[in-house]
Amino acid sequence: MEKSFMDKLADVLGNVANKINNLRYIMVIKNAFAALIPVIITGAFGTLFSAMVFDSENGLARINALRFLDNLKPISSAISYVTLSFLTIYAVFLIGIELAKLNNIPGIFPGIVAVMSYLSVNPTTFEFIFEENNVIAENVLAKQYTDTKGLFLGMFVAIVSIELYSWLGRQDRLKLKMPDTVPPTVSASFSALFPTIITVATVATAGFVVKSATGMYAYDIIYNVVQRPLEGIVQGLPGILLLMLLAQIFWVIGIHGNQMIKPIREPLLLAAIAVNTEAFEAGKEVPNIITMPFWDMYMSMGGSGVTIGLLIAILLVGKRDDMREITKLSLAPGIFNINEPVIFGMPIMLNPILAIPFILTPLITGTIGYFATAMGFAAKAVVMVPWPMPPIVNAYLATAGDIGAVITQVICIIVSILIYLPFVQVSNRTQDNVA
């Protein structure tokens, strides 16, 4: 039997998706950022406690009987600092380990090599103005090299340094042969000696050459030429909608859409929420509208496609027994934003009726969330909450208790129901044609 056009399209896009997902550097970056999620959430909850518990103006500490909580604020500040302000260092370390695994090099030492290489291309002097005088601080590392601003340079240096380190490690001439009486751990350390020296020296030399030739550090070039433009694109409404559109199309043809866009989405949106958290903690203006919590709050309630609206619409007007049964089974996981049972069981995949609202709904709700935030009705997200956090709760926590964000999310859910309703009614009429 000849395949339909949709089946052929799914096969072609599926093959492309698999090839992209299996690219070694894509796999490495995805794994590293997945491991970083607990770090980001830990820092975010430090900020949440700082604002809602320890703050003497807006938190519990404003109550006279709990005024002592204000003295505990340095604890939450320290948590935020050691997590979000060193995110690039942690990412470089993890990328080094993950890439080394692919090169059949076990252990955590490659992560250390990656960190050393990254630090070697950044300046250790910092110039600033204090009381109208230029002051130069030596043997320090400025914050922009360790927080999210250094992510793209860090990822690049980690990959280059570990590929070089791995290649050098395979060269027998560089291996120090130790007697059999030497413990294996000591022997392995000496075997890594020359590859480590050459790798770090090579990367440091490259950094020196870049600075000498351009007058700028590698960080300045990468951040201004690559990272900042990408952040600008994703921070705009068209950019985030395009990213969501691609994810939804992949879902519809049976490919995990979030996994496909993760290498692009995670570094940018996680960096954006980390910046917001730091600004909020410091009492400064929160800069970014679009962050990882924004995606979860307004574009993924109940899971990809805002399928919480579909489940409620089926409960309201659905007449097909199969759809209602799947809805009952999907309600509990759907509350925690897990909707694979809906996508593959309803199904939405390769279903032209439900695929239309599945693609359109998050684009519309995301637009509502964006303008509500841009106009100041809803606060910008400042806390990275876990993605399985139920709707309403996640909006409240992510914005440190902003009711406007909660109301906006409720509006988005209502809109999603209204979008799905007519398509559910159309599905009711197709019951006889559905196995």
Protein backbone atom coordinates (compact mmCIF):
# COMPACT_ATOMS: atom_id res chain seq x y z
CA MET A 1 0.00 0.00 0.00
CA GLU A 2 1.43 3.36 -1.06
CA LYS A 3 2.19 5.79 1.71
CA SER A 4 0.16 9.00 1.98
CA PHE A 5 1.79 12.42 1.63
CA MET A 6 1.64 12.94 5.43
CA ASP A 7 3.36 9.60 6.03
CA LYS A 8 6.11 10.46 3.56
CA LEU A 9 6.53 13.90 5.12
CA ALA A 10 6.72 12.36 8.58
CA ASP A 11 9.38 9.90 7.40
CA VAL A 12 11.52 12.64 5.83
CA LEU A 13 11.27 15.03 8.77
CA GLY A 14 11.74 12.14 11.18
CA ASN A 15 15.01 11.16 9.54
CA VAL A 16 16.22 14.77 9.62
CA ALA A 17 15.20 15.07 13.26
CA ASN A 18 17.02 11.89 14.23
CA LYS A 19 20.20 13.03 12.49
CA ILE A 20 20.08 16.39 14.25
CA ASN A 21 19.36 14.83 17.61
CA ASN A 22 22.24 12.40 17.19
CA LEU A 23 24.82 15.07 16.44
CA ARG A 24 27.45 14.67 19.15
CA TYR A 25 27.57 18.31 20.21
CA ILE A 26 23.77 18.59 20.32
CA MET A 27 23.65 15.53 22.57
CA VAL A 28 26.38 16.92 24.80
CA ILE A 29 24.72 20.32 25.23
CA LYS A 30 21.30 18.75 25.91
CA ASN A 31 22.71 16.42 28.56
CA ALA A 32 24.72 19.18 30.23
CA PHE A 33 21.78 21.56 30.50
CA ALA A 34 19.50 18.80 31.73
CA ALA A 35 22.00 18.24 34.55
CA LEU A 36 22.05 22.00 35.26
CA ILE A 37 18.32 22.25 35.97
CA PRO A 38 18.69 21.48 39.72
CA VAL A 39 21.34 24.21 40.00
CA ILE A 40 19.08 26.80 38.39
CA ILE A 41 16.05 25.78 40.44
CA THR A 42 18.09 25.85 43.66
CA GLY A 43 19.19 29.39 42.88
CA ALA A 44 15.67 30.38 41.94
CA PHE A 45 14.24 29.11 45.21
CA GLY A 46 16.92 31.06 47.05
CA THR A 47 15.55 34.16 45.35
CA LEU A 48 11.97 33.11 46.11
CA PHE A 49 12.73 32.78 49.81
CA SER A 50 14.61 36.06 49.73
CA ALA A 51 11.59 37.89 48.31
CA MET A 52 8.69 36.09 49.98
CA VAL A 53 10.14 35.14 53.37
CA PHE A 54 13.22 37.16 54.31
CA ASP A 55 12.31 40.53 52.75
CA SER A 56 11.24 43.14 55.30
CA GLU A 57 9.05 45.05 52.82
CA ASN A 58 7.22 42.36 50.83
CA GLY A 59 7.97 39.07 52.59
CA LEU A 60 6.99 37.47 55.86
CA ALA A 61 9.69 39.52 57.58
CA ARG A 62 7.43 42.57 57.33
CA ILE A 63 5.35 41.07 60.15
CA ASN A 64 6.68 42.38 63.45
CA ALA A 65 6.72 38.97 65.09
CA LEU A 66 8.80 37.61 62.18
CA ARG A 67 11.09 40.60 61.77
CA PHE A 68 14.06 38.41 62.72
CA LEU A 69 13.76 36.68 59.33
CA ASP A 70 15.28 39.74 57.71
CA ASN A 71 18.59 38.85 59.34
CA LEU A 72 18.57 35.52 57.50
CA LYS A 73 18.49 37.09 54.03
CA PRO A 74 22.25 36.58 53.48
CA ILE A 75 21.55 32.83 53.41
CA SER A 76 19.26 33.08 50.38
CA SER A 77 21.57 35.63 48.76
CA ALA A 78 24.49 33.24 49.10
CA ILE A 79 22.45 30.44 47.52
CA SER A 80 21.54 32.63 44.54
CA TYR A 81 25.15 33.74 44.12
CA VAL A 82 26.81 30.33 44.13
CA THR A 83 24.27 28.93 41.68
CA LEU A 84 23.29 31.55 39.10
CA SER A 85 26.48 33.62 39.17
CA PHE A 86 28.60 30.58 38.28
CA LEU A 87 26.30 28.93 35.75
CA THR A 88 28.80 29.14 32.90
CA ILE A 89 31.51 27.44 34.98
CA TYR A 90 29.18 24.58 35.84
CA ALA A 91 28.06 24.27 32.18
CA VAL A 92 31.65 24.15 30.93
CA PHE A 93 32.50 21.47 33.51
CA LEU A 94 29.52 19.29 32.56
CA ILE A 95 30.02 19.71 28.81
CA GLY A 96 33.63 18.65 29.26
CA ILE A 97 32.56 15.47 31.05
CA GLU A 98 29.75 14.65 28.61
CA LEU A 99 31.94 15.13 25.52
CA ALA A 100 34.74 13.09 27.06
CA LYS A 101 32.26 10.24 27.63
CA LEU A 102 31.48 10.22 23.90
CA ASN A 103 35.22 10.03 23.29
CA ASN A 104 35.46 7.05 25.66
CA ILE A 105 37.30 8.98 28.36
CA PRO A 106 35.76 8.22 31.77
CA GLY A 107 35.88 10.30 34.93
CA ILE A 108 35.45 13.96 35.77
CA PHE A 109 38.96 15.20 35.02
CA PRO A 110 38.05 16.32 31.45
CA GLY A 111 35.57 18.69 33.07
CA ILE A 112 38.44 20.29 34.95
CA VAL A 113 40.44 20.58 31.71
CA ALA A 114 37.48 22.34 30.08
CA VAL A 115 37.15 24.80 32.98
CA MET A 116 40.88 25.56 32.99
CA SER A 117 40.78 26.14 29.23
CA TYR A 118 37.78 28.46 29.51
CA LEU A 119 39.32 30.49 32.33
CA SER A 120 42.56 30.82 30.39
CA VAL A 121 40.95 32.93 27.64
CA ASN A 122 39.36 35.43 30.02
CA PRO A 123 41.10 38.40 31.67
CA THR A 124 42.01 38.32 35.36
CA THR A 125 42.10 42.08 35.77
CA PHE A 126 39.03 44.25 36.15
CA GLU A 127 38.93 48.01 35.71
CA PHE A 128 36.25 50.11 37.36
CA ILE A 129 35.65 53.66 38.60
CA PHE A 130 35.58 54.33 42.32
CA GLU A 131 35.11 57.86 43.63
CA GLU A 132 36.02 59.28 40.20
CA ASN A 133 39.27 57.30 40.09
CA ASN A 134 40.10 54.41 37.79
CA VAL A 135 40.85 51.34 39.85
CA ILE A 136 42.34 48.11 38.48
CA ALA A 137 41.69 44.94 40.45
CA GLU A 138 44.13 42.15 39.68
CA ASN A 139 43.77 38.37 40.04
CA VAL A 140 39.98 38.51 39.89
CA LEU A 141 37.40 37.10 37.49
CA ALA A 142 34.62 39.49 36.55
CA LYS A 143 31.08 38.22 36.98
CA GLN A 144 30.18 38.34 33.28
CA TYR A 145 32.66 35.53 32.61
CA THR A 146 31.04 33.17 35.11
CA ASP A 147 27.33 33.95 34.87
CA THR A 148 25.07 33.37 31.88
CA LYS A 149 26.71 35.99 29.65
CA GLY A 150 29.66 33.66 29.10
CA LEU A 151 27.59 30.61 28.14
CA PHE A 152 28.24 30.55 24.41
CA LEU A 153 31.97 31.14 24.71
CA GLY A 154 32.06 28.55 27.48
CA MET A 155 30.30 25.94 25.35
CA PHE A 156 32.61 26.61 22.41
CA VAL A 157 35.81 26.46 24.47
CA ALA A 158 34.66 23.34 26.31
CA ILE A 159 33.99 21.50 23.05
CA VAL A 160 37.23 22.60 21.36
CA SER A 161 39.41 21.89 24.39
CA ILE A 162 38.00 18.41 25.06
CA GLU A 163 38.22 17.40 21.41
CA LEU A 164 41.87 18.46 21.46
CA TYR A 165 42.47 16.79 24.81
CA SER A 166 40.87 13.56 23.57
CA TRP A 167 42.95 13.53 20.39
CA LEU A 168 46.16 14.17 22.33
CA GLY A 169 45.24 11.42 24.76
CA ARG A 170 45.22 8.92 21.89
CA GLN A 171 48.79 9.74 20.91
CA ASP A 172 51.09 7.05 22.37
CA ARG A 173 54.10 9.37 22.19
CA LEU A 174 52.50 11.66 24.79
CA LYS A 175 51.74 8.91 27.30
CA LEU A 176 54.06 8.56 30.26
CA LYS A 177 54.74 4.86 30.84
CA MET A 178 54.79 4.02 34.53
CA PRO A 179 56.01 0.79 36.16
CA ASP A 180 53.42 -1.88 36.85
CA THR A 181 53.86 -1.33 40.58
CA VAL A 182 52.39 2.16 40.31
CA PRO A 183 48.67 2.27 41.26
CA PRO A 184 46.35 2.59 38.22
CA THR A 185 44.92 5.94 39.40
CA VAL A 186 48.38 7.46 39.66
CA SER A 187 49.38 6.03 36.27
CA ALA A 188 46.25 7.46 34.65
CA SER A 189 47.01 10.88 36.13
CA PHE A 190 50.49 10.90 34.62
CA SER A 191 49.13 9.70 31.28
CA ALA A 192 46.89 12.78 31.21
CA LEU A 193 49.75 15.16 32.04
CA PHE A 194 51.02 16.08 28.57
CA PRO A 195 47.54 16.23 26.94
CA THR A 196 46.44 18.57 29.74
CA ILE A 197 49.46 20.86 29.44
CA ILE A 198 49.24 21.07 25.65
CA THR A 199 45.46 21.59 25.64
CA VAL A 200 45.39 24.42 28.18
CA ALA A 201 48.48 26.05 26.67
CA THR A 202 47.00 25.90 23.17
CA VAL A 203 43.68 27.42 24.21
CA ALA A 204 45.40 30.11 26.28
CA THR A 205 47.63 30.96 23.32
CA ALA A 206 44.60 31.18 21.03
CA GLY A 207 42.98 33.58 23.48
CA PHE A 208 46.13 35.69 23.56
CA VAL A 209 46.32 35.81 19.75
CA VAL A 210 42.65 36.87 19.49
CA LYS A 211 43.21 39.69 21.99
CA SER A 212 46.42 40.82 20.28
CA ALA A 213 44.90 40.76 16.78
CA THR A 214 41.53 42.34 17.53
CA GLY A 215 41.99 44.27 20.74
CA MET A 216 39.05 42.35 22.17
CA TYR A 217 38.83 39.27 24.33
CA ALA A 218 37.15 36.19 22.88
CA TYR A 219 34.27 36.79 25.30
CA ASP A 220 33.52 40.21 23.78
CA ILE A 221 33.52 38.80 20.24
CA ILE A 222 31.31 35.77 20.96
CA TYR A 223 28.89 37.64 23.21
CA ASN A 224 28.39 40.58 20.88
CA VAL A 225 28.45 38.69 17.57
CA VAL A 226 26.65 35.46 18.50
CA GLN A 227 24.98 35.36 21.90
CA ARG A 228 23.46 38.82 22.13
CA PRO A 229 21.84 38.70 18.64
CA LEU A 230 20.38 35.26 19.40
CA GLU A 231 19.05 36.50 22.73
CA GLY A 232 17.54 39.47 20.92
CA ILE A 233 15.75 37.23 18.44
CA VAL A 234 14.32 34.92 21.10
CA GLN A 235 13.42 37.84 23.36
CA GLY A 236 11.22 39.20 20.58
CA LEU A 237 7.71 37.80 20.17
CA PRO A 238 8.25 36.60 16.55
CA GLY A 239 11.36 34.65 17.56
CA ILE A 240 9.74 32.75 20.41
CA LEU A 241 6.62 32.06 18.34
CA LEU A 242 8.76 30.63 15.53
CA LEU A 243 10.55 28.39 18.02
CA MET A 244 7.19 27.18 19.39
CA LEU A 245 5.82 26.67 15.88
CA LEU A 246 8.72 24.39 14.99
CA ALA A 247 8.26 22.40 18.20
CA GLN A 248 4.54 21.92 17.54
CA ILE A 249 5.07 20.79 13.96
CA PHE A 250 7.54 18.17 15.15
CA TRP A 251 5.05 16.96 17.76
CA VAL A 252 2.32 16.61 15.13
CA ILE A 253 4.46 14.31 12.98
CA GLY A 254 5.31 12.15 15.99
CA ILE A 255 8.66 13.62 17.05
CA HIS A 256 9.29 15.03 20.53
CA GLY A 257 9.17 18.73 19.68
CA ASN A 258 10.70 20.01 22.90
CA GLN A 259 13.72 17.74 22.51
CA MET A 260 14.26 19.02 18.98
CA ILE A 261 14.45 22.70 19.93
CA LYS A 262 16.07 22.14 23.32
CA PRO A 263 19.65 22.89 22.22
CA ILE A 264 18.51 26.32 21.04
CA ARG A 265 15.89 27.02 23.68
CA GLU A 266 17.65 25.94 26.86
CA PRO A 267 20.83 28.07 26.75
CA LEU A 268 18.89 31.21 25.83
CA LEU A 269 15.78 30.89 28.00
CA LEU A 270 17.59 29.50 31.03
CA ALA A 271 20.12 32.31 30.73
CA ALA A 272 17.26 34.82 30.54
CA ILE A 273 15.62 33.61 33.76
CA ALA A 274 19.00 33.53 35.52
CA VAL A 275 19.52 37.19 34.58
CA ASN A 276 16.03 38.06 35.84
CA THR A 277 16.63 36.25 39.11
CA GLU A 278 19.90 38.08 39.72
CA ALA A 279 18.33 41.45 38.91
CA PHE A 280 15.39 40.76 41.20
CA GLU A 281 17.69 39.64 44.00
CA ALA A 282 19.73 42.84 43.62
CA GLY A 283 16.63 45.05 43.61
CA LYS A 284 17.21 46.14 39.99
CA GLU A 285 14.76 46.30 37.10
CA VAL A 286 13.96 42.83 35.74
CA PRO A 287 14.90 42.91 32.03
CA ASN A 288 13.54 39.83 30.21
CA ILE A 289 9.93 39.04 29.35
CA ILE A 290 10.62 35.73 27.63
CA THR A 291 12.26 33.14 29.85
CA MET A 292 11.94 29.43 30.52
CA PRO A 293 9.10 30.01 33.04
CA PHE A 294 7.33 32.24 30.46
CA TRP A 295 7.32 29.26 28.09
CA ASP A 296 5.86 27.01 30.80
CA MET A 297 3.39 29.59 32.18
CA TYR A 298 1.76 30.79 28.98
CA MET A 299 2.67 28.39 26.17
CA SER A 300 2.70 24.95 27.76
CA MET A 301 -0.04 24.67 30.39
CA GLY A 302 -0.97 21.02 30.69
CA GLY A 303 1.90 20.23 28.35
CA SER A 304 2.83 21.11 24.77
CA GLY A 305 -0.06 22.60 22.81
CA VAL A 306 -1.72 23.88 26.02
CA THR A 307 -3.66 20.62 26.02
CA ILE A 308 -5.25 21.44 29.36
CA GLY A 309 -7.69 23.38 27.16
CA LEU A 310 -8.34 20.29 25.06
CA LEU A 311 -9.04 18.11 28.11
CA ILE A 312 -11.50 20.61 29.55
CA ALA A 313 -13.14 21.11 26.14
CA ILE A 314 -13.69 17.34 25.83
CA LEU A 315 -15.20 17.20 29.30
CA LEU A 316 -17.57 20.02 28.33
CA VAL A 317 -18.74 19.00 24.86
CA GLY A 318 -16.98 15.75 23.93
CA LYS A 319 -19.31 12.92 22.91
CA ARG A 320 -16.86 10.33 21.68
CA ASP A 321 -16.35 7.59 24.24
CA ASP A 322 -12.73 7.00 23.21
CA MET A 323 -11.77 10.66 23.62
CA ARG A 324 -13.54 10.94 26.98
CA GLU A 325 -11.83 7.81 28.30
CA ILE A 326 -8.41 9.08 27.23
CA THR A 327 -9.23 12.43 28.82
CA LYS A 328 -10.02 10.78 32.15
CA LEU A 329 -6.72 8.92 32.05
CA SER A 330 -4.82 12.06 31.02
CA LEU A 331 -6.23 14.52 33.56
CA ALA A 332 -3.91 13.60 36.43
CA PRO A 333 -0.65 13.76 34.45
CA GLY A 334 -1.98 16.78 32.56
CA ILE A 335 -2.21 18.77 35.78
CA PHE A 336 1.55 18.30 36.05
CA ASN A 337 2.11 19.28 32.39
CA ILE A 338 2.70 15.72 31.15
CA ASN A 339 0.65 15.16 28.02
CA GLU A 340 2.20 12.33 26.00
CA PRO A 341 -0.97 10.25 26.67
CA VAL A 342 -2.99 12.98 24.95
CA ILE A 343 -0.61 13.50 22.02
CA PHE A 344 -0.20 9.83 21.19
CA GLY A 345 -3.42 8.43 22.63
CA MET A 346 -6.08 10.88 21.46
CA PRO A 347 -4.22 11.06 19.05
CA ILE A 348 -3.08 14.54 18.09
CA MET A 349 -0.17 13.13 16.10
CA LEU A 350 -1.05 13.04 12.38
CA ASN A 351 -4.62 14.04 13.23
CA PRO A 352 -5.51 16.99 10.95
CA ILE A 353 -8.49 18.01 13.08
CA LEU A 354 -6.76 18.33 16.44
CA ALA A 355 -3.35 19.25 14.98
CA ILE A 356 -4.64 22.68 13.93
CA PRO A 357 -5.56 23.93 17.44
CA PHE A 358 -2.56 22.09 18.90
CA ILE A 359 -0.27 24.22 16.74
CA LEU A 360 -2.19 27.50 17.01
CA THR A 361 -3.13 27.56 20.70
CA PRO A 362 0.34 28.10 22.25
CA LEU A 363 1.08 30.79 19.66
CA ILE A 364 -2.07 32.68 20.71
CA THR A 365 -1.66 32.19 24.46
CA GLY A 366 2.02 33.10 24.21
CA THR A 367 1.05 36.34 22.47
CA ILE A 368 -1.46 37.11 25.22
CA GLY A 369 1.14 36.42 27.90
CA TYR A 370 3.73 38.56 26.12
CA PHE A 371 1.53 41.64 25.78
CA ALA A 372 0.13 41.27 29.31
CA THR A 373 3.70 41.25 30.60
CA ALA A 374 4.90 44.04 28.28
CA MET A 375 2.04 46.29 29.44
CA GLY A 376 2.87 45.61 33.09
CA PHE A 377 -0.34 43.78 33.94
CA ALA A 378 1.61 40.59 34.64
CA ALA A 379 5.02 40.63 36.27
CA LYS A 380 8.07 39.16 34.56
CA ALA A 381 9.18 35.76 35.80
CA VAL A 382 12.03 35.89 38.31
CA VAL A 383 12.02 32.35 39.68
CA MET A 384 12.79 29.17 37.76
CA VAL A 385 10.16 26.69 38.89
CA PRO A 386 10.19 23.00 37.85
CA TRP A 387 8.23 22.42 34.65
CA PRO A 388 5.86 19.84 36.24
CA MET A 389 4.54 22.54 38.60
CA PRO A 390 0.75 22.79 38.00
CA PRO A 391 -0.73 25.85 36.26
CA ILE A 392 -1.73 28.73 38.51
CA VAL A 393 0.81 27.59 41.10
CA ASN A 394 3.68 27.97 38.65
CA ALA A 395 2.58 31.48 37.60
CA TYR A 396 2.35 32.57 41.23
CA LEU A 397 5.73 31.16 42.22
CA ALA A 398 7.60 32.13 39.03
CA THR A 399 6.64 35.78 39.45
CA ALA A 400 7.24 35.81 43.23
CA GLY A 401 3.55 36.12 44.02
CA ASP A 402 2.16 38.33 41.25
CA ILE A 403 -1.63 38.08 40.91
CA GLY A 404 -1.59 39.70 37.47
CA ALA A 405 0.42 36.76 36.11
CA VAL A 406 -2.04 34.30 37.67
CA ILE A 407 -5.00 36.15 36.09
CA THR A 408 -3.21 36.20 32.73
CA GLN A 409 -2.61 32.47 32.91
CA VAL A 410 -6.28 31.85 33.74
CA ILE A 411 -7.26 33.95 30.71
CA CYS A 412 -4.88 31.92 28.55
CA ILE A 413 -6.43 28.66 29.78
CA ILE A 414 -9.94 29.96 29.01
CA VAL A 415 -8.80 31.04 25.54
CA SER A 416 -7.29 27.59 24.96
CA ILE A 417 -10.61 25.97 25.84
CA LEU A 418 -12.45 28.25 23.41
CA ILE A 419 -9.97 27.42 20.64
CA TYR A 420 -10.25 23.66 21.15
CA LEU A 421 -14.07 23.58 21.56
CA PRO A 422 -15.10 23.76 17.87
CA PHE A 423 -12.49 21.17 16.90
CA VAL A 424 -13.76 18.80 19.59
CA GLN A 425 -17.26 19.29 18.18
CA VAL A 426 -15.97 18.44 14.70
CA SER A 427 -14.31 15.33 16.15
CA ASN A 428 -17.66 14.29 17.63
CA ARG A 429 -19.01 13.95 14.09
CA THR A 430 -16.14 11.75 12.94
CA GLN A 431 -16.67 9.00 15.53
CA ASP A 432 -17.89 6.52 12.99
CA ASN A 433 -14.78 7.04 10.90
CA VAL A 434 -12.29 6.60 13.74
CA ALA A 435 -11.08 3.21 14.78
